[in-house]
Each structure stands twice: as C-alpha cells, then as structure tokens.
C-alpha cells in the first residue's frame, strides 16, 4: 500500500470511528477496522450490522460488547491468517 493510500485509510477509519462515537455504538477502532475489512472481503454489510446489533442487544450502549469482540477476533483469524 502506498503512503497516500495508507493515509487515506487511516483518515477514513478515524472518520468512521468518530461517527461511531456520535452514534454511541460502543465499537472501538479495532472492531470497526475488522468490520470494514470483512465488508471489503465481500460480506454483506447489512448482515454484519444485524450481527453487531444482536451481539450487543443486551449490552448498555456506553460499554464494549464482549461477545462481539470475541466474534470479531475469531473472524479476524479466519480472514487474516
């Protein structure tokens, strides 16, 4: 990845992270970056959103969703061995 592309990717991640905070999703940069990568690999974004909602349904909005983070870590090992 060239320098400009890497800078654009970092800026895009930061923008999505800021939007996530405004929407009070509880997702951190790591979770967001993995979700974006899964979309880039062809996973359906609406399906991923449904999974995020389901896993975080019982978590207070201002806390991390531990079940989702376990799933994301597992998905990361499958997608990025």
PDB file of N, CA and C in Angstrom:
ATOM      1  N   UNK A   1       0.849  -1.171   0.000  1.00  0.00           N
ATOM      2  CA  UNK A   1       0.000   0.000   0.000  1.00  0.00           C
ATOM      3  C   UNK A   1       0.892   1.231   0.000  1.00  0.00           C
ATOM      4  N   UNK A   2       0.610   2.161  -0.900  1.00  0.00           N
ATOM      5  CA  UNK A   2       1.457   3.346  -0.942  1.00  0.00           C
ATOM      6  C   UNK A   2       1.097   4.306   0.199  1.00  0.00           C
ATOM      7  N   UNK A   3       1.926   5.322   0.376  1.00  0.00           N
ATOM      8  CA  UNK A   3       1.774   6.247   1.501  1.00  0.00           C
ATOM      9  C   UNK A   3       0.445   6.974   1.463  1.00  0.00           C
ATOM     10  N   UNK A   4       0.029   7.441   0.278  1.00  0.00           N
ATOM     11  CA  UNK A   4      -1.237   8.170   0.172  1.00  0.00           C
ATOM     12  C   UNK A   4      -2.424   7.260   0.498  1.00  0.00           C
ATOM     13  N   UNK A   5      -2.384   6.036   0.010  1.00  0.00           N
ATOM     14  CA  UNK A   5      -3.476   5.098   0.279  1.00  0.00           C
ATOM     15  C   UNK A   5      -3.548   4.767   1.768  1.00  0.00           C
ATOM     16  N   UNK A   6      -2.395   4.596   2.398  1.00  0.00           N
ATOM     17  CA  UNK A   6      -2.372   4.301   3.832  1.00  0.00           C
ATOM     18  C   UNK A   6      -2.921   5.480   4.629  1.00  0.00           C
ATOM     19  N   UNK A   7      -2.549   6.689   4.241  1.00  0.00           N
ATOM     20  CA  UNK A   7      -3.040   7.884   4.929  1.00  0.00           C
ATOM     21  C   UNK A   7      -4.552   8.013   4.749  1.00  0.00           C
ATOM     22  N   UNK A   8      -5.047   7.760   3.557  1.00  0.00           N
ATOM     23  CA  UNK A   8      -6.486   7.822   3.288  1.00  0.00           C
ATOM     24  C   UNK A   8      -7.227   6.777   4.119  1.00  0.00           C
ATOM     25  N   UNK A   9      -6.669   5.577   4.218  1.00  0.00           N
ATOM     26  CA  UNK A   9      -7.288   4.516   5.014  1.00  0.00           C
ATOM     27  C   UNK A   9      -7.351   4.913   6.483  1.00  0.00           C
ATOM     28  N   UNK A  10      -6.271   5.494   7.007  1.00  0.00           N
ATOM     29  CA  UNK A  10      -6.268   5.936   8.407  1.00  0.00           C
ATOM     30  C   UNK A  10      -7.296   7.037   8.639  1.00  0.00           C
ATOM     31  N   UNK A  11      -7.368   7.983   7.705  1.00  0.00           N
ATOM     32  CA  UNK A  11      -8.331   9.077   7.843  1.00  0.00           C
ATOM     33  C   UNK A  11      -9.766   8.559   7.754  1.00  0.00           C
ATOM     34  N   UNK A  12      -9.999   7.608   6.875  1.00  0.00           N
ATOM     35  CA  UNK A  12     -11.336   7.028   6.748  1.00  0.00           C
ATOM     36  C   UNK A  12     -11.726   6.285   8.015  1.00  0.00           C
ATOM     37  N   UNK A  13     -10.795   5.512   8.569  1.00  0.00           N
ATOM     38  CA  UNK A  13     -11.078   4.798   9.809  1.00  0.00           C
ATOM     39  C   UNK A  13     -11.381   5.783  10.936  1.00  0.00           C
ATOM     40  N   UNK A  14     -10.625   6.856  11.007  1.00  0.00           N
ATOM     41  CA  UNK A  14     -10.857   7.862  12.050  1.00  0.00           C
ATOM     42  C   UNK A  14     -12.229   8.504  11.878  1.00  0.00           C
ATOM     43  N   UNK A  15     -12.619   8.783  10.651  1.00  0.00           N
ATOM     44  CA  UNK A  15     -13.934   9.372  10.385  1.00  0.00           C
ATOM     45  C   UNK A  15     -15.050   8.418  10.804  1.00  0.00           C
ATOM     46  N   UNK A  16     -14.921   7.149  10.431  1.00  0.00           N
ATOM     47  CA  UNK A  16     -15.934   6.160  10.812  1.00  0.00           C
ATOM     48  C   UNK A  16     -15.965   5.997  12.330  1.00  0.00           C
ATOM     49  N   UNK A  17     -14.812   6.025  12.978  1.00  0.00           N
ATOM     50  CA  UNK A  17     -14.755   5.909  14.429  1.00  0.00           C
ATOM     51  C   UNK A  17     -15.458   7.096  15.095  1.00  0.00           C
ATOM     52  N   UNK A  18     -15.239   8.300  14.577  1.00  0.00           N
ATOM     53  CA  UNK A  18     -15.910   9.478  15.126  1.00  0.00           C
ATOM     54  C   UNK A  18     -17.426   9.366  14.954  1.00  0.00           C
ATOM     55  N   UNK A  19     -17.864   8.903  13.787  1.00  0.00           N
ATOM     56  CA  UNK A  19     -19.302   8.705  13.552  1.00  0.00           C
ATOM     57  C   UNK A  19     -19.840   7.656  14.518  1.00  0.00           C
ATOM     58  N   UNK A  20     -19.085   6.599  14.731  1.00  0.00           N
ATOM     59  CA  UNK A  20     -19.486   5.539  15.652  1.00  0.00           C
ATOM     60  C   UNK A  20     -19.664   6.088  17.060  1.00  0.00           C
ATOM     61  N   UNK A  21     -18.760   6.971  17.468  1.00  0.00           N
ATOM     62  CA  UNK A  21     -18.877   7.582  18.797  1.00  0.00           C
ATOM     63  C   UNK A  21     -20.091   8.491  18.895  1.00  0.00           C
ATOM     64  N   UNK A  22     -20.342   9.262  17.848  1.00  0.00           N
ATOM     65  CA  UNK A  22     -21.515  10.143  17.837  1.00  0.00           C
ATOM     66  C   UNK A  22     -22.794   9.319  17.948  1.00  0.00           C
ATOM     67  N   UNK A  23     -22.815   8.176  17.267  1.00  0.00           N
ATOM     68  CA  UNK A  23     -23.983   7.295  17.297  1.00  0.00           C
ATOM     69  C   UNK A  23     -24.009   6.399  18.531  1.00  0.00           C
ATOM     70  N   UNK A  24     -22.959   6.496  19.347  1.00  0.00           N
ATOM     71  CA  UNK A  24     -22.863   5.741  20.601  1.00  0.00           C
ATOM     72  C   UNK A  24     -22.979   4.232  20.376  1.00  0.00           C
ATOM     73  N   UNK A  25     -22.214   3.739  19.397  1.00  0.00           N
ATOM     74  CA  UNK A  25     -22.267   2.308  19.081  1.00  0.00           C
ATOM     75  C   UNK A  25     -21.483   1.452  20.060  1.00  0.00           C
ATOM     76  N   UNK A  26     -20.483   2.032  20.713  1.00  0.00           N
ATOM     77  CA  UNK A  26     -19.639   1.251  21.614  1.00  0.00           C
ATOM     78  C   UNK A  26     -18.545   0.488  20.887  1.00  0.00           C
ATOM     79  N   UNK A  27     -18.441   0.656  19.568  1.00  0.00           N
ATOM     80  CA  UNK A  27     -17.406  -0.043  18.800  1.00  0.00           C
ATOM     81  C   UNK A  27     -16.098   0.733  18.872  1.00  0.00           C
ATOM     82  N   UNK A  28     -15.002   0.019  19.041  1.00  0.00           N
ATOM     83  CA  UNK A  28     -13.698   0.670  19.049  1.00  0.00           C
ATOM     84  C   UNK A  28     -13.081   0.605  17.653  1.00  0.00           C
ATOM     85  N   UNK A  29     -11.920   1.223  17.497  1.00  0.00           N
ATOM     86  CA  UNK A  29     -11.265   1.259  16.184  1.00  0.00           C
ATOM     87  C   UNK A  29     -10.969  -0.149  15.662  1.00  0.00           C
ATOM     88  N   UNK A  30     -10.557  -1.030  16.567  1.00  0.00           N
ATOM     89  CA  UNK A  30     -10.235  -2.402  16.164  1.00  0.00           C
ATOM     90  C   UNK A  30     -11.462  -3.088  15.568  1.00  0.00           C
ATOM     91  N   UNK A  31     -12.585  -3.001  16.269  1.00  0.00           N
ATOM     92  CA  UNK A  31     -13.813  -3.632  15.790  1.00  0.00           C
ATOM     93  C   UNK A  31     -14.237  -3.042  14.451  1.00  0.00           C
ATOM     94  N   UNK A  32     -14.173  -1.732  14.351  1.00  0.00           N
ATOM     95  CA  UNK A  32     -14.564  -1.065  13.113  1.00  0.00           C
ATOM     96  C   UNK A  32     -13.658  -1.486  11.969  1.00  0.00           C
ATOM     97  N   UNK A  33     -12.362  -1.532  12.207  1.00  0.00           N
ATOM     98  CA  UNK A  33     -11.442  -1.890  11.123  1.00  0.00           C
ATOM     99  C   UNK A  33     -11.676  -3.319  10.649  1.00  0.00           C
ATOM    100  N   UNK A  34     -11.966  -4.235  11.575  1.00  0.00           N
ATOM    101  CA  UNK A  34     -12.241  -5.615  11.171  1.00  0.00           C
ATOM    102  C   UNK A  34     -13.553  -5.698  10.423  1.00  0.00           C
ATOM    103  N   UNK A  35     -14.578  -4.985  10.871  1.00  0.00           N
ATOM    104  CA  UNK A  35     -15.860  -4.984  10.161  1.00  0.00           C
ATOM    105  C   UNK A  35     -15.703  -4.426   8.743  1.00  0.00           C
ATOM    106  N   UNK A  36     -14.925  -3.361   8.599  1.00  0.00           N
ATOM    107  CA  UNK A  36     -14.664  -2.803   7.266  1.00  0.00           C
ATOM    108  C   UNK A  36     -13.937  -3.824   6.401  1.00  0.00           C
ATOM    109  N   UNK A  37     -12.938  -4.473   6.980  1.00  0.00           N
ATOM    110  CA  UNK A  37     -12.188  -5.479   6.221  1.00  0.00           C
ATOM    111  C   UNK A  37     -13.091  -6.627   5.786  1.00  0.00           C
ATOM    112  N   UNK A  38     -14.006  -7.052   6.655  1.00  0.00           N
ATOM    113  CA  UNK A  38     -14.937  -8.122   6.284  1.00  0.00           C
ATOM    114  C   UNK A  38     -15.841  -7.683   5.137  1.00  0.00           C
ATOM    115  N   UNK A  39     -16.271  -6.434   5.154  1.00  0.00           N
ATOM    116  CA  UNK A  39     -17.057  -5.905   4.020  1.00  0.00           C
ATOM    117  C   UNK A  39     -16.218  -5.901   2.749  1.00  0.00           C
ATOM    118  N   UNK A  40     -14.957  -5.500   2.876  1.00  0.00           N
ATOM    119  CA  UNK A  40     -14.051  -5.495   1.722  1.00  0.00           C
ATOM    120  C   UNK A  40     -13.863  -6.890   1.148  1.00  0.00           C
ATOM    121  N   UNK A  41     -13.982  -7.900   2.005  1.00  0.00           N
ATOM    122  CA  UNK A  41     -13.854  -9.294   1.558  1.00  0.00           C
ATOM    123  C   UNK A  41     -15.147  -9.828   0.938  1.00  0.00           C
ATOM    124  N   UNK A  42     -16.190  -9.002   0.967  1.00  0.00           N
ATOM    125  CA  UNK A  42     -17.427  -9.397   0.302  1.00  0.00           C
ATOM    126  C   UNK A  42     -18.583  -9.762   1.216  1.00  0.00           C
ATOM    127  N   UNK A  43     -18.391  -9.679   2.529  1.00  0.00           N
ATOM    128  CA  UNK A  43     -19.514  -9.966   3.419  1.00  0.00           C
ATOM    129  C   UNK A  43     -20.556  -8.857   3.303  1.00  0.00           C
ATOM    130  N   UNK A  44     -21.784  -9.228   3.454  1.00  0.00           N
ATOM    131  CA  UNK A  44     -22.897  -8.294   3.333  1.00  0.00           C
ATOM    132  C   UNK A  44     -22.903  -7.347   4.528  1.00  0.00           C
ATOM    133  N   UNK A  45     -22.810  -6.020   4.290  1.00  0.00           N
ATOM    134  CA  UNK A  45     -22.784  -5.063   5.398  1.00  0.00           C
ATOM    135  C   UNK A  45     -24.060  -5.097   6.244  1.00  0.00           C
ATOM    136  N   UNK A  46     -25.207  -5.332   5.613  1.00  0.00           N
ATOM    137  CA  UNK A  46     -26.457  -5.394   6.372  1.00  0.00           C
ATOM    138  C   UNK A  46     -26.463  -6.608   7.294  1.00  0.00           C
ATOM    139  N   UNK A  47     -25.910  -7.721   6.816  1.00  0.00           N
ATOM    140  CA  UNK A  47     -25.823  -8.920   7.653  1.00  0.00           C
ATOM    141  C   UNK A  47     -24.876  -8.680   8.824  1.00  0.00           C
ATOM    142  N   UNK A  48     -23.747  -8.024   8.563  1.00  0.00           N
ATOM    143  CA  UNK A  48     -22.815  -7.705   9.647  1.00  0.00           C
ATOM    144  C   UNK A  48     -23.462  -6.773  10.663  1.00  0.00           C
ATOM    145  N   UNK A  49     -24.215  -5.785  10.182  1.00  0.00           N
ATOM    146  CA  UNK A  49     -24.904  -4.864  11.095  1.00  0.00           C
ATOM    147  C   UNK A  49     -25.899  -5.625  11.966  1.00  0.00           C
ATOM    148  N   UNK A  50     -26.592  -6.590  11.374  1.00  0.00           N
ATOM    149  CA  UNK A  50     -27.547  -7.394  12.141  1.00  0.00           C
ATOM    150  C   UNK A  50     -26.828  -8.203  13.220  1.00  0.00           C
ATOM    151  N   UNK A  51     -25.655  -8.732  12.884  1.00  0.00           N
ATOM    152  CA  UNK A  51     -24.868  -9.491  13.867  1.00  0.00           C
ATOM    153  C   UNK A  51     -24.417  -8.570  15.002  1.00  0.00           C
ATOM    154  N   UNK A  52     -23.933  -7.382  14.650  1.00  0.00           N
ATOM    155  CA  UNK A  52     -23.498  -6.424  15.671  1.00  0.00           C
ATOM    156  C   UNK A  52     -24.665  -6.090  16.594  1.00  0.00           C
ATOM    157  N   UNK A  53     -25.819  -5.790  16.020  1.00  0.00           N
ATOM    158  CA  UNK A  53     -26.996  -5.456  16.833  1.00  0.00           C
ATOM    159  C   UNK A  53     -27.371  -6.608  17.761  1.00  0.00           C
ATOM    160  N   UNK A  54     -27.368  -7.824  17.227  1.00  0.00           N
ATOM    161  CA  UNK A  54     -27.761  -8.987  18.021  1.00  0.00           C
ATOM    162  C   UNK A  54     -26.772  -9.227  19.170  1.00  0.00           C
ATOM    163  N   UNK A  55     -25.492  -9.160  18.874  1.00  0.00           N
ATOM    164  CA  UNK A  55     -24.494  -9.430  19.904  1.00  0.00           C
ATOM    165  C   UNK A  55     -24.465  -8.350  20.976  1.00  0.00           C
ATOM    166  N   UNK A  56     -24.826  -7.123  20.608  1.00  0.00           N
ATOM    167  CA  UNK A  56     -24.757  -6.014  21.562  1.00  0.00           C
ATOM    168  C   UNK A  56     -26.122  -5.645  22.134  1.00  0.00           C
ATOM    169  N   UNK A  57     -27.132  -6.414  21.809  1.00  0.00           N
ATOM    170  CA  UNK A  57     -28.504  -6.105  22.235  1.00  0.00           C
ATOM    171  C   UNK A  57     -28.611  -5.935  23.748  1.00  0.00           C
ATOM    172  N   UNK A  58     -27.972  -6.781  24.510  1.00  0.00           N
ATOM    173  CA  UNK A  58     -28.111  -6.751  25.964  1.00  0.00           C
ATOM    174  C   UNK A  58     -27.038  -5.922  26.666  1.00  0.00           C
ATOM    175  N   UNK A  59     -26.112  -5.345  25.903  1.00  0.00           N
ATOM    176  CA  UNK A  59     -25.058  -4.535  26.500  1.00  0.00           C
ATOM    177  C   UNK A  59     -25.514  -3.080  26.574  1.00  0.00           C
ATOM    178  N   UNK A  60     -25.218  -2.402  27.675  1.00  0.00           N
ATOM    179  CA  UNK A  60     -25.517  -0.968  27.728  1.00  0.00           C
ATOM    180  C   UNK A  60     -24.794  -0.249  26.599  1.00  0.00           C
ATOM    181  N   UNK A  61     -25.396   0.799  26.056  1.00  0.00           N
ATOM    182  CA  UNK A  61     -24.835   1.458  24.876  1.00  0.00           C
ATOM    183  C   UNK A  61     -23.471   2.097  25.123  1.00  0.00           C
ATOM    184  N   UNK A  62     -23.151   2.396  26.367  1.00  0.00           N
ATOM    185  CA  UNK A  62     -21.870   3.055  26.637  1.00  0.00           C
ATOM    186  C   UNK A  62     -20.766   2.076  27.033  1.00  0.00           C
ATOM    187  N   UNK A  63     -21.007   0.776  26.854  1.00  0.00           N
ATOM    188  CA  UNK A  63     -19.978  -0.208  27.201  1.00  0.00           C
ATOM    189  C   UNK A  63     -19.586  -1.011  25.973  1.00  0.00           C
ATOM    190  N   UNK A  64     -18.420  -1.623  26.067  1.00  0.00           N
ATOM    191  CA  UNK A  64     -17.986  -2.526  24.996  1.00  0.00           C
ATOM    192  C   UNK A  64     -18.850  -3.766  25.002  1.00  0.00           C
ATOM    193  N   UNK A  65     -18.934  -4.369  23.883  1.00  0.00           N
ATOM    194  CA  UNK A  65     -19.746  -5.579  23.729  1.00  0.00           C
ATOM    195  C   UNK A  65     -18.791  -6.767  23.674  1.00  0.00           C
ATOM    196  N   UNK A  66     -18.567  -7.457  24.797  1.00  0.00           N
ATOM    197  CA  UNK A  66     -17.551  -8.515  24.817  1.00  0.00           C
ATOM    198  C   UNK A  66     -17.832  -9.658  23.856  1.00  0.00           C
ATOM    199  N   UNK A  67     -19.098 -10.028  23.674  1.00  0.00           N
ATOM    200  CA  UNK A  67     -19.413 -11.120  22.758  1.00  0.00           C
ATOM    201  C   UNK A  67     -19.026 -10.739  21.327  1.00  0.00           C
ATOM    202  N   UNK A  68     -19.306  -9.497  20.954  1.00  0.00           N
ATOM    203  CA  UNK A  68     -18.963  -9.043  19.612  1.00  0.00           C
ATOM    204  C   UNK A  68     -17.459  -9.042  19.418  1.00  0.00           C
ATOM    205  N   UNK A  69     -16.728  -8.622  20.413  1.00  0.00           N
ATOM    206  CA  UNK A  69     -15.273  -8.580  20.272  1.00  0.00           C
ATOM    207  C   UNK A  69     -14.677  -9.981  20.172  1.00  0.00           C
ATOM    208  N   UNK A  70     -15.267 -10.948  20.850  1.00  0.00           N
ATOM    209  CA  UNK A  70     -14.805 -12.332  20.681  1.00  0.00           C
ATOM    210  C   UNK A  70     -15.078 -12.808  19.268  1.00  0.00           C
ATOM    211  N   UNK A  71     -16.264 -12.476  18.739  1.00  0.00           N
ATOM    212  CA  UNK A  71     -16.607 -12.846  17.366  1.00  0.00           C
ATOM    213  C   UNK A  71     -15.669 -12.176  16.374  1.00  0.00           C
ATOM    214  N   UNK A  72     -15.398 -10.902  16.566  1.00  0.00           N
ATOM    215  CA  UNK A  72     -14.512 -10.162  15.664  1.00  0.00           C
ATOM    216  C   UNK A  72     -13.104 -10.752  15.693  1.00  0.00           C
ATOM    217  N   UNK A  73     -12.615 -11.074  16.874  1.00  0.00           N
ATOM    218  CA  UNK A  73     -11.284 -11.682  16.966  1.00  0.00           C
ATOM    219  C   UNK A  73     -11.247 -13.021  16.235  1.00  0.00           C
ATOM    220  N   UNK A  74     -12.317 -13.794  16.362  1.00  0.00           N
ATOM    221  CA  UNK A  74     -12.400 -15.072  15.658  1.00  0.00           C
ATOM    222  C   UNK A  74     -12.462 -14.849  14.149  1.00  0.00           C
ATOM    223  N   UNK A  75     -13.296 -13.910  13.701  1.00  0.00           N
ATOM    224  CA  UNK A  75     -13.411 -13.618  12.269  1.00  0.00           C
ATOM    225  C   UNK A  75     -12.082 -13.135  11.713  1.00  0.00           C
ATOM    226  N   UNK A  76     -11.368 -12.374  12.507  1.00  0.00           N
ATOM    227  CA  UNK A  76     -10.068 -11.865  12.058  1.00  0.00           C
ATOM    228  C   UNK A  76      -9.091 -13.021  11.823  1.00  0.00           C
ATOM    229  N   UNK A  77      -9.115 -14.024  12.687  1.00  0.00           N
ATOM    230  CA  UNK A  77      -8.219 -15.162  12.494  1.00  0.00           C
ATOM    231  C   UNK A  77      -8.582 -15.947  11.230  1.00  0.00           C
ATOM    232  N   UNK A  78      -9.881 -15.969  10.894  1.00  0.00           N
ATOM    233  CA  UNK A  78     -10.291 -16.672   9.674  1.00  0.00           C
ATOM    234  C   UNK A  78      -9.940 -15.879   8.423  1.00  0.00           C
ATOM    235  N   UNK A  79     -10.155 -14.573   8.477  1.00  0.00           N
ATOM    236  CA  UNK A  79      -9.956 -13.735   7.300  1.00  0.00           C
ATOM    237  C   UNK A  79      -8.503 -13.343   7.076  1.00  0.00           C
ATOM    238  N   UNK A  80      -7.727 -13.270   8.149  1.00  0.00           N
ATOM    239  CA  UNK A  80      -6.346 -12.807   8.060  1.00  0.00           C
ATOM    240  C   UNK A  80      -5.416 -13.769   8.793  1.00  0.00           C
ATOM    241  N   UNK A  81      -5.264 -14.982   8.257  1.00  0.00           N
ATOM    242  CA  UNK A  81      -4.450 -15.990   8.958  1.00  0.00           C
ATOM    243  C   UNK A  81      -2.981 -15.614   9.045  1.00  0.00           C
TER     244      UNK A  81
END
